Protein backbone atom coordinates (compact mmCIF):
# COMPACT_ATOMS: atom_id res chain seq x y z
CA MET A 1 -16.74 2.73 30.16
CA ARG A 2 -17.62 -0.60 30.55
CA GLU A 3 -21.34 0.47 32.64
CA MET A 4 -21.96 2.50 29.60
CA ILE A 5 -21.60 -0.08 26.95
CA CYS A 6 -23.90 -2.06 29.16
CA ARG A 7 -26.67 0.16 29.21
CA THR A 8 -26.25 1.26 25.65
CA PHE A 9 -26.96 -2.46 24.74
CA ALA A 10 -29.40 -2.83 27.65
CA VAL A 11 -31.31 0.42 25.91
CA MET A 12 -31.14 -1.58 22.21
CA ALA A 13 -32.05 -5.05 23.37
CA TYR A 14 -35.02 -4.13 25.03
CA ASP A 15 -36.20 -2.07 22.13
CA ASP A 16 -38.08 -4.83 19.73
CA TYR A 17 -41.04 -5.16 22.51
CA SER A 18 -45.10 -4.19 21.12
CA CYS A 19 -46.46 -5.00 24.49
CA LEU A 20 -44.19 -3.70 26.78
CA ARG A 21 -42.11 -0.32 26.91
CA VAL A 22 -39.14 -0.78 28.87
CA ARG A 23 -36.48 2.07 30.32
CA VAL A 24 -32.87 0.60 31.48
CA GLU A 25 -30.75 3.01 33.60
CA GLY A 26 -28.39 2.94 36.67
CA GLY A 27 -29.01 -0.65 37.37
CA ILE A 28 -32.85 -0.24 37.09
CA ALA A 29 -35.22 -1.79 34.43
CA ARG A 30 -38.28 0.38 34.00
CA ALA A 31 -40.83 -1.60 31.71
CA THR A 32 -44.65 -0.61 30.87
CA ILE A 33 -47.15 -2.32 29.95
CA ASP A 34 -48.56 -0.84 27.24
CA HIS A 35 -51.51 -2.57 25.72
CA PRO A 36 -54.96 -0.85 24.83
CA PRO A 37 -58.10 -0.88 25.71
CA ILE A 38 -57.39 -2.84 29.31
CA ASN A 39 -53.59 -4.66 29.17
CA LEU A 40 -55.41 -7.90 28.83
CA LEU A 41 -53.26 -11.01 29.58
CA ASP A 42 -53.85 -12.47 25.74
CA LEU A 43 -51.60 -13.98 24.28
CA ALA A 44 -49.33 -11.61 22.67
CA LEU A 45 -48.84 -9.64 26.04
CA ILE A 46 -47.94 -13.37 27.91
CA LEU A 47 -45.31 -14.00 25.32
CA GLU A 48 -43.76 -10.61 25.51
CA LEU A 49 -43.85 -10.96 29.52
CA ASP A 50 -41.94 -14.41 29.29
CA ARG A 51 -39.59 -12.96 26.52
CA PHE A 52 -38.41 -10.35 28.35
CA GLY A 53 -38.07 -12.08 32.33
CA ARG A 54 -36.00 -14.55 30.43
CA GLN A 55 -34.23 -11.62 28.92
CA VAL A 56 -33.69 -9.52 32.31
CA GLU A 57 -32.97 -12.50 34.12
CA VAL A 58 -29.81 -12.64 32.57
CA ASP A 59 -28.61 -9.25 32.21
CA ASP A 60 -26.07 -8.72 34.79
CA SER A 61 -26.55 -4.67 33.67
CA ILE A 62 -29.35 -4.75 36.01
CA ARG A 63 -30.18 -5.01 39.67
CA VAL A 64 -33.69 -3.71 40.13
CA LEU A 65 -37.15 -4.23 37.68
CA ILE A 66 -39.64 -2.17 38.09
CA LEU A 67 -43.18 -3.26 36.08
CA ASP A 68 -46.04 -0.61 35.66
CA SER A 69 -48.88 0.53 33.61
CA ALA A 70 -49.29 3.09 31.12
CA ASP A 71 -52.72 3.01 31.53
CA PRO A 72 -54.40 4.64 35.02
CA GLU A 73 -57.07 2.62 34.90
CA PHE A 74 -55.15 -0.87 34.77
CA PHE A 75 -52.63 -2.74 35.87
CA ALA A 76 -53.56 -5.74 34.10
CA ALA A 77 -57.31 -6.08 33.62
CA HIS A 78 -57.36 -10.31 33.40
CA ALA A 79 -56.04 -13.40 31.49
CA ASP A 80 -57.95 -13.58 28.77
CA VAL A 81 -61.15 -15.60 28.83
CA THR A 82 -61.30 -16.94 24.95
CA LEU A 83 -57.31 -18.55 25.82
CA ILE A 84 -58.95 -20.34 28.68
CA GLN A 85 -61.86 -21.07 26.99
CA ALA A 86 -59.26 -23.06 24.41
CA LEU A 87 -57.29 -24.87 26.69
CA PRO A 88 -58.17 -28.55 26.73
CA THR A 89 -60.76 -29.92 28.78
CA ASP A 90 -59.34 -33.74 28.89
CA ASP A 91 -55.89 -33.01 30.77
CA THR A 92 -56.67 -33.63 34.02
CA ALA A 93 -53.64 -35.34 35.52
CA ARG A 94 -50.44 -33.52 37.71
CA HIS A 95 -48.27 -31.92 35.43
CA PRO A 96 -44.04 -32.74 36.26
CA GLU A 97 -43.46 -28.97 35.69
CA LEU A 98 -45.40 -25.59 36.04
CA GLY A 99 -47.74 -24.21 33.75
CA GLY A 100 -46.68 -21.66 31.30
CA PHE A 101 -48.16 -18.60 32.98
CA GLN A 102 -47.40 -19.89 35.79
CA ALA A 103 -43.85 -20.34 34.90
CA MET A 104 -44.06 -16.82 33.32
CA VAL A 105 -44.80 -14.94 36.71
CA ASP A 106 -42.37 -17.10 38.96
CA ARG A 107 -39.44 -15.97 37.05
CA PHE A 108 -40.24 -13.00 38.58
CA ARG A 109 -39.46 -14.37 41.89
CA THR A 110 -36.79 -16.33 41.21
CA MET A 111 -34.59 -14.32 39.44
CA PRO A 112 -31.44 -12.96 41.26
CA LYS A 113 -32.52 -8.64 40.40
CA ALA A 114 -35.35 -6.99 43.33
CA THR A 115 -38.81 -6.83 41.36
CA ILE A 116 -41.34 -4.40 41.83
CA VAL A 117 -44.44 -3.40 41.04
CA ILE A 118 -46.52 -0.38 40.93
CA LEU A 119 -50.52 -0.58 40.98
CA GLU A 120 -51.80 2.27 39.86
CA GLY A 121 -55.05 0.24 38.66
CA ILE A 122 -57.49 -2.49 37.70
CA ALA A 123 -55.33 -5.85 38.98
CA ARG A 124 -57.80 -8.70 38.67
CA GLY A 125 -57.03 -13.13 38.20
CA GLY A 126 -53.89 -13.26 36.55
CA GLY A 127 -53.12 -9.32 36.54
CA SER A 128 -52.93 -10.19 40.37
CA GLU A 129 -51.25 -13.20 39.85
CA LEU A 130 -48.60 -12.00 38.02
CA ALA A 131 -48.23 -8.80 41.10
CA LEU A 132 -48.05 -11.17 43.57
CA SER A 133 -44.95 -12.95 41.82
CA PHE A 134 -42.86 -9.71 42.28
CA ASP A 135 -40.82 -9.71 45.65
CA MET A 136 -42.90 -5.99 46.52
CA ARG A 137 -46.02 -4.32 45.70
CA PHE A 138 -47.14 -0.74 45.89
CA ALA A 139 -50.50 0.23 45.36
CA ALA A 140 -52.43 3.92 44.60
CA ILE A 141 -54.66 4.57 47.14
CA GLY A 142 -58.37 5.33 45.90
CA ARG A 143 -57.24 4.05 42.64
CA ALA A 144 -55.44 0.68 42.47
CA ILE A 145 -57.72 -2.73 42.75
CA LEU A 146 -56.32 -6.27 43.25
CA ALA A 147 -58.93 -9.20 43.31
CA GLN A 148 -58.65 -12.95 42.58
CA PRO A 149 -62.81 -13.24 40.52
CA GLU A 150 -62.19 -16.90 39.24
CA VAL A 151 -64.34 -18.99 41.12
CA ALA A 152 -67.44 -16.82 40.17
CA VAL A 153 -66.95 -18.07 36.66
CA GLY A 154 -67.06 -21.74 36.85
CA ILE A 155 -62.80 -21.99 37.48
CA ILE A 156 -60.12 -21.18 40.03
CA PRO A 157 -56.68 -19.00 39.82
CA GLY A 158 -54.27 -21.08 37.92
CA GLY A 159 -51.70 -18.55 37.86
CA SER A 160 -50.76 -19.02 41.56
CA GLY A 161 -53.23 -16.98 43.04
CA THR A 162 -53.92 -19.84 45.51
CA GLN A 163 -50.46 -20.04 46.44
CA ARG A 164 -48.84 -16.69 46.73
CA LEU A 165 -51.80 -14.96 48.58
CA HIS A 166 -52.33 -18.18 51.42
CA ARG A 167 -48.47 -16.86 52.12
CA LEU A 168 -49.06 -13.67 52.09
CA VAL A 169 -52.24 -12.43 53.77
CA GLY A 170 -53.19 -16.02 55.62
CA ARG A 171 -55.52 -18.83 55.25
CA ALA A 172 -58.52 -17.63 56.02
CA ARG A 173 -58.20 -13.64 53.78
CA ALA A 174 -56.78 -15.77 51.07
CA LEU A 175 -60.42 -17.91 51.18
CA GLU A 176 -62.09 -14.42 51.57
CA ILE A 177 -60.06 -13.86 48.31
CA VAL A 178 -60.42 -16.44 46.05
CA LEU A 179 -64.16 -17.05 47.47
CA GLY A 180 -65.90 -14.03 47.63
CA CYS A 181 -64.32 -12.50 44.06
CA ASP A 182 -64.28 -9.29 45.24
CA ASP A 183 -62.34 -6.12 44.20
CA ILE A 184 -59.52 -5.23 47.39
CA ASP A 185 -59.26 -1.52 47.24
CA ALA A 186 -55.35 -0.49 48.21
CA ASP A 187 -55.56 0.15 51.88
CA THR A 188 -57.25 -2.87 52.63
CA ALA A 189 -54.61 -4.90 50.34
CA ALA A 190 -51.93 -3.04 52.38
CA GLN A 191 -53.86 -3.67 55.79
CA TRP A 192 -53.37 -7.17 54.68
CA GLY A 193 -50.52 -8.10 53.19
CA TYR A 194 -51.65 -8.65 49.61
CA VAL A 195 -49.31 -5.20 48.90
CA ASN A 196 -46.09 -3.87 50.65
CA ARG A 197 -47.52 -0.64 50.67
CA ALA A 198 -50.53 1.53 49.79
CA LEU A 199 -49.72 5.81 48.98
CA PRO A 200 -51.21 8.40 47.54
CA ASP A 201 -50.27 9.49 44.44
CA GLY A 202 -48.17 12.28 44.70
CA GLU A 203 -45.98 9.78 47.00
CA LEU A 204 -46.23 6.55 45.05
CA ARG A 205 -43.88 6.74 42.34
CA PRO A 206 -40.98 9.32 44.52
CA TYR A 207 -41.66 6.73 47.06
CA VAL A 208 -40.68 3.84 44.99
CA ASP A 209 -37.90 5.41 42.84
CA ALA A 210 -35.97 5.96 45.87
CA LEU A 211 -35.96 2.93 47.19
CA ALA A 212 -35.29 0.92 43.74
CA ALA A 213 -32.27 3.34 43.47
CA ARG A 214 -30.90 2.34 47.26
CA ILE A 215 -31.31 -0.78 46.64
CA ALA A 216 -29.54 -0.32 42.38
CA SER A 217 -26.55 0.77 44.30
CA PHE A 218 -25.79 -2.38 46.42
CA PRO A 219 -24.06 -5.34 45.04
CA ALA A 220 -25.53 -7.71 42.30
CA GLU A 221 -24.61 -10.63 44.25
CA ALA A 222 -25.74 -9.58 47.56
CA ILE A 223 -29.47 -8.82 45.72
CA ALA A 224 -29.61 -12.43 44.63
CA ARG A 225 -28.25 -14.15 47.89
CA ALA A 226 -30.61 -11.92 49.97
CA LYS A 227 -33.55 -12.71 47.99
CA THR A 228 -32.71 -16.66 48.46
CA ALA A 229 -32.08 -16.42 51.65
CA VAL A 230 -35.36 -14.83 52.65
CA ASP A 231 -36.98 -17.30 50.09
CA ALA A 232 -35.25 -20.49 52.18
CA ALA A 233 -37.56 -18.97 55.48
CA LEU A 234 -40.63 -21.10 53.67
CA PRO A 235 -40.84 -25.05 51.46
CA ASP A 236 -40.51 -24.48 47.97
CA PRO A 237 -43.86 -23.31 46.13
CA THR A 238 -43.74 -25.50 43.36
CA GLU A 239 -45.55 -29.14 45.28
CA GLY A 240 -48.37 -26.20 45.90
CA LEU A 241 -48.09 -24.95 41.98
CA LEU A 242 -48.83 -27.76 40.51
CA THR A 243 -51.44 -29.08 42.51
CA GLU A 244 -53.09 -25.51 41.51
CA ASP A 245 -52.41 -25.86 38.05
CA GLN A 246 -53.76 -29.83 38.05
CA LEU A 247 -57.04 -28.48 39.60
CA PHE A 248 -57.18 -25.73 37.56
CA ARG A 249 -56.56 -27.91 34.35
CA ALA A 250 -59.75 -30.41 35.83
CA SER A 251 -62.14 -27.20 36.48
CA LEU A 252 -62.15 -26.32 32.47
CA SER A 253 -64.23 -29.42 32.18
CA ASP A 254 -66.83 -28.48 33.78
CA PRO A 255 -69.91 -27.66 32.44
CA GLU A 256 -70.86 -24.66 34.80
CA ALA A 257 -67.66 -22.85 33.78
CA HIS A 258 -68.20 -22.98 30.42
CA SER A 259 -71.29 -21.41 30.90
CA ARG A 260 -70.27 -18.66 32.93
CA MET A 261 -67.29 -18.12 31.27
CA ALA A 262 -69.70 -18.00 28.33
CA ALA A 263 -71.44 -15.42 30.01
CA PHE A 264 -69.11 -13.33 31.00
CA LEU A 265 -68.32 -12.42 27.59
CA ASN A 266 -71.56 -12.35 26.82
CA VAL A 267 -72.56 -8.98 29.40
CA GLY A 268 -69.01 -7.40 27.79
CA GLY A 269 -66.19 -8.68 30.06
CA GLN A 270 -63.87 -7.89 28.47
CA THR A 271 -64.44 -4.52 27.34
CA ARG A 272 -63.32 -1.25 29.27
CA GLU A 273 -67.20 0.11 29.81
CA VAL A 274 -68.08 -2.86 31.80
CA GLU A 275 -65.04 -3.93 33.32
CA LEU A 276 -64.27 -0.64 34.99
CA ARG A 277 -67.68 -1.14 37.02
CA GLY A 278 -66.74 -4.37 38.38
CA PHE A 279 -66.13 -7.98 37.44
CA PRO A 280 -69.48 -9.07 35.41
CA THR A 281 -70.18 -12.20 37.36
CA GLN A 282 -73.68 -12.78 35.63
């Protein structure tokens, strides 16, 4: 009876989102990004992901979180460039706390739940950083695309990409991804460690569902302690994230960044047709 009450409360608690669809059952929260036309990480979606993460973090009925997309071609395109253009350009001091986007995505890493992303479409820039912040990533062969194309428009990844990639794929490949600004397919991403596994369409969701159900059957305290222990193997990433944040903000004052971001929008950046062809860099 108590479990039934918790599940009912959880479902009711997650029904007031506009950009996300959430279902909670059997200790698993399944959140689907549904924010047409390209799941752009604009202010509305960022605020909902932040609020959702805060709710899940303290929801004792949830042991596993799965995030996917309602759009078969886009997981989350990238951060809204118009938001980046609106950021102050004179704030280059090192901040004592994580930036808002960094804190939002990092919560999915630090919360005492197992967090999993299903990638079936494009995840560039902030979309890649969102996925990188989850505990595990599983990608659809022939469909998933990941990239960090920020340097092409004169800035740097500012939402944890430089820090997550270095730990997952090593320095050389992290630099290839960040400096090359090219799309990485699911097979390559799996070989490099960018994602856990690349699986065919028919196998991807059944695999993730089985893994999530298995983890959700274990004690919540054991899941939380295991995550803490695994993270203790590496230094706390906070210092690196603070450096990334400072360098990202420093890049915003560069005139070349201003012109490149404007050019990106002028050639159709943030439109579905153009972004399906690739991230426009000229």
